[in-house]
Amino acid sequence: MPTNAWMDVQIFEMIHNAGVVIVDLTGVRPNCFTEMGYAFGRGRKVIVTAKDGTAIPFDTGAYEATLWNLSKSTLDKISDLKQYWQRNISRPPLVVPKSIL
């Protein structure tokens, strides 16, 4: 149930308080990049996913995305995500937020 009249406010509140943020860039939607940037700026752990074949417009060599494919079995998709998680979940944040006094 929404707690706010504006969906974007609720999304940003959830990102603000999240321990991990999963961003799917399939379709290259601008709002997802804004939400991902906010998560990075808050120092959140960010999992970036996209459908295989998505042209992600940033250097994924510097920040790995996991690509998913509907033709893979569910077990293979789970295995791929677990391996990505293990490689990336302990990565330090892009920005370490300073405490607000």
N, C-alpha and C. Protein backbone atom coordinates (compact mmCIF):
# COMPACT_ATOMS: atom_id res chain seq x y z
N MET A 1 0.85 -1.17 0.00
CA MET A 1 0.00 0.00 0.00
C MET A 1 0.90 1.24 0.00
N PRO A 2 0.72 2.13 -0.97
CA PRO A 2 1.52 3.36 -1.00
C PRO A 2 1.32 4.20 0.26
N THR A 3 2.41 4.81 0.70
CA THR A 3 2.33 5.68 1.87
C THR A 3 2.40 7.14 1.49
N ASN A 4 2.57 7.42 0.19
CA ASN A 4 2.70 8.79 -0.27
C ASN A 4 1.96 8.93 -1.58
N ALA A 5 1.46 10.12 -1.88
CA ALA A 5 0.72 10.35 -3.11
C ALA A 5 1.60 10.27 -4.35
N TRP A 6 2.90 10.42 -4.19
CA TRP A 6 3.82 10.40 -5.33
C TRP A 6 4.71 9.17 -5.24
N MET A 7 4.67 8.33 -6.25
CA MET A 7 5.44 7.09 -6.26
C MET A 7 6.93 7.35 -6.11
N ASP A 8 7.46 8.40 -6.77
CA ASP A 8 8.89 8.65 -6.69
C ASP A 8 9.35 8.95 -5.26
N VAL A 9 8.52 9.62 -4.47
CA VAL A 9 8.88 9.89 -3.07
C VAL A 9 9.00 8.59 -2.31
N GLN A 10 8.06 7.70 -2.51
CA GLN A 10 8.09 6.41 -1.82
C GLN A 10 9.31 5.60 -2.25
N ILE A 11 9.64 5.60 -3.53
CA ILE A 11 10.81 4.87 -4.02
C ILE A 11 12.08 5.43 -3.39
N PHE A 12 12.22 6.75 -3.35
CA PHE A 12 13.43 7.34 -2.77
C PHE A 12 13.50 7.11 -1.26
N GLU A 13 12.36 7.10 -0.59
CA GLU A 13 12.37 6.77 0.84
C GLU A 13 12.85 5.34 1.06
N MET A 14 12.42 4.43 0.20
CA MET A 14 12.84 3.04 0.32
C MET A 14 14.34 2.90 0.05
N ILE A 15 14.83 3.57 -0.99
CA ILE A 15 16.26 3.53 -1.30
C ILE A 15 17.06 4.15 -0.15
N HIS A 16 16.57 5.25 0.39
CA HIS A 16 17.24 5.96 1.47
C HIS A 16 17.50 5.05 2.67
N ASN A 17 16.57 4.15 2.94
CA ASN A 17 16.66 3.29 4.12
C ASN A 17 17.10 1.87 3.80
N ALA A 18 17.37 1.55 2.55
CA ALA A 18 17.71 0.18 2.15
C ALA A 18 19.15 -0.18 2.50
N GLY A 19 19.36 -1.47 2.75
CA GLY A 19 20.71 -1.98 2.93
C GLY A 19 21.32 -2.37 1.59
N VAL A 20 20.48 -2.87 0.68
CA VAL A 20 20.88 -3.28 -0.67
C VAL A 20 19.82 -2.78 -1.63
N VAL A 21 20.26 -2.24 -2.77
CA VAL A 21 19.35 -1.77 -3.81
C VAL A 21 19.62 -2.55 -5.08
N ILE A 22 18.58 -3.14 -5.66
CA ILE A 22 18.70 -3.85 -6.93
C ILE A 22 18.10 -2.96 -8.00
N VAL A 23 18.92 -2.66 -9.01
CA VAL A 23 18.49 -1.81 -10.11
C VAL A 23 18.56 -2.61 -11.40
N ASP A 24 17.42 -2.73 -12.11
CA ASP A 24 17.43 -3.41 -13.40
C ASP A 24 17.37 -2.35 -14.49
N LEU A 25 18.39 -2.35 -15.35
CA LEU A 25 18.52 -1.31 -16.38
C LEU A 25 17.95 -1.73 -17.73
N THR A 26 17.24 -2.85 -17.77
CA THR A 26 16.59 -3.28 -19.01
C THR A 26 15.67 -2.16 -19.49
N GLY A 27 15.76 -1.82 -20.74
CA GLY A 27 14.93 -0.75 -21.29
C GLY A 27 15.54 0.63 -21.14
N VAL A 28 16.66 0.71 -20.42
CA VAL A 28 17.42 1.95 -20.25
C VAL A 28 16.48 3.11 -19.89
N ARG A 29 15.72 2.92 -18.83
CA ARG A 29 14.76 3.93 -18.36
C ARG A 29 15.49 4.98 -17.52
N PRO A 30 15.33 6.26 -17.85
CA PRO A 30 16.04 7.32 -17.13
C PRO A 30 15.79 7.32 -15.62
N ASN A 31 14.57 7.01 -15.19
CA ASN A 31 14.29 7.02 -13.75
C ASN A 31 15.16 6.00 -13.01
N CYS A 32 15.46 4.87 -13.65
CA CYS A 32 16.30 3.85 -13.00
C CYS A 32 17.71 4.38 -12.78
N PHE A 33 18.23 5.16 -13.71
CA PHE A 33 19.56 5.74 -13.55
C PHE A 33 19.57 6.77 -12.41
N THR A 34 18.48 7.53 -12.30
CA THR A 34 18.37 8.49 -11.20
C THR A 34 18.34 7.77 -9.87
N GLU A 35 17.54 6.72 -9.78
CA GLU A 35 17.44 5.94 -8.54
C GLU A 35 18.77 5.26 -8.22
N MET A 36 19.45 4.73 -9.24
CA MET A 36 20.75 4.10 -9.03
C MET A 36 21.77 5.13 -8.53
N GLY A 37 21.76 6.30 -9.10
CA GLY A 37 22.67 7.36 -8.67
C GLY A 37 22.42 7.77 -7.23
N TYR A 38 21.15 7.83 -6.85
CA TYR A 38 20.81 8.17 -5.46
C TYR A 38 21.34 7.07 -4.53
N ALA A 39 21.17 5.82 -4.91
CA ALA A 39 21.64 4.71 -4.09
C ALA A 39 23.16 4.76 -3.94
N PHE A 40 23.87 5.04 -5.03
CA PHE A 40 25.33 5.18 -4.96
C PHE A 40 25.71 6.33 -4.03
N GLY A 41 25.03 7.46 -4.20
CA GLY A 41 25.32 8.63 -3.38
C GLY A 41 25.06 8.40 -1.90
N ARG A 42 24.12 7.53 -1.58
CA ARG A 42 23.82 7.19 -0.18
C ARG A 42 24.77 6.13 0.35
N GLY A 43 25.66 5.62 -0.51
CA GLY A 43 26.62 4.61 -0.07
C GLY A 43 25.99 3.24 0.09
N ARG A 44 24.89 2.99 -0.60
CA ARG A 44 24.21 1.70 -0.52
C ARG A 44 24.94 0.66 -1.35
N LYS A 45 24.77 -0.61 -0.99
CA LYS A 45 25.23 -1.69 -1.84
C LYS A 45 24.25 -1.76 -3.00
N VAL A 46 24.78 -1.74 -4.23
CA VAL A 46 23.92 -1.70 -5.42
C VAL A 46 24.20 -2.91 -6.29
N ILE A 47 23.15 -3.64 -6.60
CA ILE A 47 23.21 -4.77 -7.52
C ILE A 47 22.60 -4.27 -8.83
N VAL A 48 23.39 -4.32 -9.91
CA VAL A 48 22.93 -3.83 -11.21
C VAL A 48 22.67 -5.03 -12.11
N THR A 49 21.44 -5.11 -12.63
CA THR A 49 21.07 -6.18 -13.54
C THR A 49 20.53 -5.59 -14.83
N ALA A 50 20.50 -6.41 -15.87
CA ALA A 50 19.88 -6.02 -17.14
C ALA A 50 19.69 -7.28 -17.99
N LYS A 51 18.71 -7.25 -18.85
CA LYS A 51 18.49 -8.35 -19.79
C LYS A 51 19.67 -8.41 -20.74
N ASP A 52 20.14 -9.61 -21.02
CA ASP A 52 21.25 -9.80 -21.94
C ASP A 52 20.94 -9.09 -23.27
N GLY A 53 21.89 -8.32 -23.76
CA GLY A 53 21.69 -7.55 -24.98
C GLY A 53 21.39 -6.08 -24.73
N THR A 54 21.12 -5.71 -23.49
CA THR A 54 20.87 -4.31 -23.15
C THR A 54 22.16 -3.51 -23.31
N ALA A 55 22.10 -2.41 -24.03
CA ALA A 55 23.26 -1.54 -24.19
C ALA A 55 23.29 -0.57 -23.01
N ILE A 56 24.05 -0.93 -21.98
CA ILE A 56 24.13 -0.09 -20.79
C ILE A 56 25.09 1.07 -21.08
N PRO A 57 24.63 2.32 -20.95
CA PRO A 57 25.44 3.47 -21.38
C PRO A 57 26.45 3.95 -20.34
N PHE A 58 27.18 3.04 -19.71
CA PHE A 58 28.30 3.43 -18.87
C PHE A 58 29.29 2.29 -18.85
N ASP A 59 30.47 2.54 -18.34
CA ASP A 59 31.55 1.57 -18.35
C ASP A 59 31.27 0.45 -17.35
N THR A 60 30.76 -0.67 -17.85
CA THR A 60 30.48 -1.78 -16.95
C THR A 60 31.75 -2.48 -16.51
N GLY A 61 32.88 -2.15 -17.13
CA GLY A 61 34.15 -2.69 -16.65
C GLY A 61 34.51 -2.12 -15.29
N ALA A 62 34.09 -0.88 -15.05
CA ALA A 62 34.35 -0.23 -13.77
C ALA A 62 33.31 -0.64 -12.73
N TYR A 63 32.11 -0.94 -13.18
CA TYR A 63 31.05 -1.35 -12.27
C TYR A 63 30.26 -2.45 -12.96
N GLU A 64 30.47 -3.66 -12.52
CA GLU A 64 29.89 -4.83 -13.19
C GLU A 64 28.38 -4.91 -13.04
N ALA A 65 27.73 -5.25 -14.12
CA ALA A 65 26.29 -5.55 -14.11
C ALA A 65 26.14 -7.05 -14.39
N THR A 66 25.13 -7.66 -13.82
CA THR A 66 24.84 -9.05 -14.14
C THR A 66 23.74 -9.08 -15.19
N LEU A 67 23.99 -9.80 -16.27
CA LEU A 67 23.03 -9.87 -17.37
C LEU A 67 22.24 -11.16 -17.27
N TRP A 68 20.93 -11.05 -17.38
CA TRP A 68 20.07 -12.22 -17.29
C TRP A 68 19.48 -12.54 -18.65
N ASN A 69 19.09 -13.80 -18.82
CA ASN A 69 18.59 -14.29 -20.10
C ASN A 69 17.43 -15.24 -19.81
N LEU A 70 16.28 -14.98 -20.40
CA LEU A 70 15.10 -15.80 -20.15
C LEU A 70 15.25 -17.24 -20.64
N SER A 71 16.18 -17.49 -21.57
CA SER A 71 16.33 -18.84 -22.09
C SER A 71 17.09 -19.76 -21.12
N LYS A 72 17.72 -19.19 -20.10
CA LYS A 72 18.42 -20.00 -19.10
C LYS A 72 17.42 -20.61 -18.13
N SER A 73 17.82 -21.73 -17.56
CA SER A 73 16.96 -22.35 -16.55
C SER A 73 16.95 -21.49 -15.28
N THR A 74 15.94 -21.68 -14.47
CA THR A 74 15.85 -20.94 -13.22
C THR A 74 17.07 -21.21 -12.35
N LEU A 75 17.51 -22.46 -12.28
CA LEU A 75 18.68 -22.79 -11.47
C LEU A 75 19.93 -22.09 -11.97
N ASP A 76 20.09 -21.99 -13.30
CA ASP A 76 21.25 -21.28 -13.86
C ASP A 76 21.18 -19.79 -13.55
N LYS A 77 19.98 -19.20 -13.63
CA LYS A 77 19.83 -17.78 -13.31
C LYS A 77 20.14 -17.52 -11.83
N ILE A 78 19.69 -18.40 -10.97
CA ILE A 78 19.98 -18.26 -9.54
C ILE A 78 21.48 -18.39 -9.30
N SER A 79 22.11 -19.35 -9.94
CA SER A 79 23.56 -19.55 -9.80
C SER A 79 24.33 -18.33 -10.28
N ASP A 80 23.94 -17.79 -11.43
CA ASP A 80 24.60 -16.59 -11.97
C ASP A 80 24.49 -15.42 -11.00
N LEU A 81 23.29 -15.21 -10.43
CA LEU A 81 23.09 -14.11 -9.50
C LEU A 81 23.89 -14.31 -8.22
N LYS A 82 23.95 -15.53 -7.72
CA LYS A 82 24.74 -15.82 -6.52
C LYS A 82 26.22 -15.53 -6.76
N GLN A 83 26.72 -15.94 -7.93
CA GLN A 83 28.13 -15.69 -8.25
C GLN A 83 28.40 -14.19 -8.36
N TYR A 84 27.51 -13.46 -9.00
CA TYR A 84 27.63 -12.00 -9.10
C TYR A 84 27.64 -11.38 -7.71
N TRP A 85 26.70 -11.82 -6.85
CA TRP A 85 26.59 -11.32 -5.48
C TRP A 85 27.91 -11.53 -4.74
N GLN A 86 28.45 -12.73 -4.83
CA GLN A 86 29.71 -13.04 -4.13
C GLN A 86 30.87 -12.19 -4.63
N ARG A 87 30.91 -11.91 -5.93
CA ARG A 87 31.98 -11.08 -6.50
C ARG A 87 31.84 -9.61 -6.12
N ASN A 88 30.62 -9.15 -5.89
CA ASN A 88 30.38 -7.71 -5.80
C ASN A 88 29.83 -7.17 -4.49
N ILE A 89 29.28 -8.00 -3.62
CA ILE A 89 28.58 -7.47 -2.46
C ILE A 89 29.52 -6.80 -1.46
N SER A 90 30.78 -7.20 -1.42
CA SER A 90 31.72 -6.59 -0.47
C SER A 90 32.49 -5.42 -1.06
N ARG A 91 32.15 -5.05 -2.29
CA ARG A 91 32.80 -3.92 -2.94
C ARG A 91 32.50 -2.65 -2.14
N PRO A 92 33.50 -1.81 -1.94
CA PRO A 92 33.25 -0.58 -1.20
C PRO A 92 32.32 0.35 -2.00
N PRO A 93 31.62 1.25 -1.32
CA PRO A 93 30.72 2.16 -2.04
C PRO A 93 31.51 3.09 -2.95
N LEU A 94 30.84 3.57 -4.00
CA LEU A 94 31.48 4.55 -4.90
C LEU A 94 31.74 5.85 -4.14
N VAL A 95 30.81 6.21 -3.26
CA VAL A 95 30.92 7.43 -2.46
C VAL A 95 30.64 7.05 -1.02
N VAL A 96 31.52 7.47 -0.13
CA VAL A 96 31.29 7.25 1.29
C VAL A 96 30.62 8.49 1.85
N PRO A 97 29.34 8.40 2.21
CA PRO A 97 28.63 9.59 2.70
C PRO A 97 29.22 10.09 4.02
N LYS A 98 29.33 11.38 4.14
CA LYS A 98 29.75 11.98 5.41
C LYS A 98 28.54 12.07 6.32
N SER A 99 28.76 11.92 7.60
CA SER A 99 27.67 12.03 8.56
C SER A 99 27.13 13.46 8.55
N ILE A 100 25.83 13.57 8.65
CA ILE A 100 25.19 14.87 8.74
C ILE A 100 25.00 15.17 10.22
N LEU A 101 25.54 16.29 10.66
CA LEU A 101 25.42 16.67 12.08
C LEU A 101 24.13 17.35 12.37
